[in-house]
Amino acid sequence: MSDDILRRVGAVIDSRKGADPSTSYVAKLFDKGLDSILKKVGEEATETVMAAKDGDPQKVVYEVADLWFHSMVALAHFGLTPQDVLNELARREGLSGLVEFAARPKA
């Protein structure tokens, strides 16, 4: 069920590519470009941290939903879907976080 809502929201986001920016918030983000999308991701990440610091669980849920949504817009910008992230999480499942981190390519 949870991946179904992610798939549906991801499909709606993807359908907004090239749409009229005056009729869709997501189309407006795509029209403004990657920097605007990433700015929103950063803003939502900061708001998530602030909500957590406030200690209000409902505010945390609300802000994480905003963060996930804007992260999904960023994924769509790169032609990626929520399923790509779910696949990566599945790949990591059962791995020690320390082992997985150590195996990452060094930049």
Protein backbone atom coordinates (compact mmCIF):
# COMPACT_ATOMS: atom_id res chain seq x y z
CA MET A 1 0.00 0.00 0.00
CA SER A 2 2.67 2.56 0.93
CA ASP A 3 4.61 2.07 -2.28
CA ASP A 4 1.31 2.38 -4.20
CA ILE A 5 0.72 5.94 -2.96
CA LEU A 6 4.33 6.80 -3.76
CA ARG A 7 3.87 5.40 -7.27
CA ARG A 8 0.64 7.37 -7.79
CA VAL A 9 2.06 10.65 -6.48
CA GLY A 10 5.22 10.08 -8.53
CA ALA A 11 3.12 9.57 -11.66
CA VAL A 12 1.21 12.80 -11.03
CA ILE A 13 4.46 14.69 -10.48
CA ASP A 14 5.91 13.27 -13.71
CA SER A 15 2.75 14.23 -15.61
CA ARG A 16 3.36 17.87 -14.65
CA LYS A 17 6.57 18.07 -16.67
CA GLY A 18 5.91 20.54 -19.47
CA ALA A 19 2.50 21.50 -18.07
CA ASP A 20 1.42 25.13 -17.88
CA PRO A 21 3.22 26.63 -14.86
CA SER A 22 0.26 28.91 -14.18
CA THR A 23 -1.97 25.89 -13.50
CA SER A 24 0.29 23.64 -11.41
CA TYR A 25 2.66 24.18 -8.50
CA VAL A 26 4.82 21.26 -9.66
CA ALA A 27 4.85 22.54 -13.25
CA LYS A 28 6.01 25.88 -11.86
CA LEU A 29 8.87 24.17 -10.02
CA PHE A 30 9.90 22.28 -13.16
CA ASP A 31 9.68 25.50 -15.18
CA LYS A 32 11.94 27.34 -12.73
CA GLY A 33 14.53 24.57 -12.94
CA LEU A 34 16.66 22.40 -10.74
CA ASP A 35 17.92 25.18 -8.47
CA SER A 36 14.35 26.04 -7.43
CA ILE A 37 13.50 22.39 -6.86
CA LEU A 38 16.61 21.89 -4.72
CA LYS A 39 15.90 25.08 -2.78
CA LYS A 40 12.49 23.64 -1.83
CA VAL A 41 14.08 20.33 -0.80
CA GLY A 42 16.49 22.25 1.43
CA GLU A 43 13.71 24.38 2.93
CA GLU A 44 11.62 21.31 3.70
CA ALA A 45 14.60 19.50 5.23
CA THR A 46 15.20 22.48 7.52
CA GLU A 47 11.51 22.63 8.45
CA THR A 48 11.61 18.90 9.24
CA VAL A 49 14.54 19.42 11.59
CA MET A 50 12.80 22.37 13.26
CA ALA A 51 9.58 20.36 13.72
CA ALA A 52 11.55 17.52 15.30
CA LYS A 53 13.31 19.95 17.62
CA ASP A 54 9.87 21.30 18.65
CA GLY A 55 8.93 17.75 19.61
CA ASP A 56 5.48 17.75 17.99
CA PRO A 57 5.04 14.38 16.24
CA GLN A 58 2.22 15.63 13.99
CA LYS A 59 4.36 18.54 12.78
CA VAL A 60 7.17 16.08 12.06
CA VAL A 61 4.83 13.95 9.93
CA TYR A 62 3.57 17.04 8.07
CA GLU A 63 7.06 18.33 7.33
CA VAL A 64 8.43 14.92 6.33
CA ALA A 65 5.50 14.60 3.89
CA ASP A 66 6.55 17.95 2.38
CA LEU A 67 10.19 16.82 2.26
CA TRP A 68 9.29 13.53 0.58
CA PHE A 69 7.06 15.31 -1.93
CA HIS A 70 9.73 17.81 -2.95
CA SER A 71 12.34 15.05 -3.04
CA MET A 72 10.05 13.20 -5.45
CA VAL A 73 9.96 16.32 -7.64
CA ALA A 74 13.77 16.26 -7.63
CA LEU A 75 13.74 12.56 -8.57
CA ALA A 76 11.36 13.27 -11.45
CA HIS A 77 13.66 16.03 -12.69
CA PHE A 78 16.30 13.34 -13.20
CA GLY A 79 13.87 10.86 -14.74
CA LEU A 80 13.81 8.77 -11.57
CA THR A 81 10.84 7.40 -9.65
CA PRO A 82 10.06 6.52 -6.05
CA GLN A 83 10.53 2.88 -7.08
CA ASP A 84 14.19 3.62 -7.76
CA VAL A 85 14.58 4.70 -4.12
CA LEU A 86 12.57 1.71 -2.86
CA ASN A 87 14.83 -0.58 -4.89
CA GLU A 88 17.90 0.99 -3.30
CA LEU A 89 16.42 0.60 0.18
CA ALA A 90 15.64 -3.04 -0.60
CA ARG A 91 19.23 -3.54 -1.74
CA ARG A 92 20.47 -2.17 1.58
CA GLU A 93 18.04 -4.14 3.71
CA GLY A 94 19.87 -6.47 6.06
CA LEU A 95 23.22 -4.78 5.52
CA SER A 96 24.99 -3.15 8.39
CA GLY A 97 24.91 0.61 7.85
CA LEU A 98 28.62 0.75 8.58
CA VAL A 99 29.38 -1.98 6.04
CA GLU A 100 27.15 -0.38 3.39
CA PHE A 101 28.71 3.05 3.95
CA ALA A 102 32.26 1.64 3.76
CA ALA A 103 31.41 -0.07 0.44
CA ARG A 104 30.32 3.17 -1.24
CA PRO A 105 32.63 4.55 -3.93
CA LYS A 106 34.87 7.28 -2.60
CA ALA A 107 34.32 10.66 -4.25
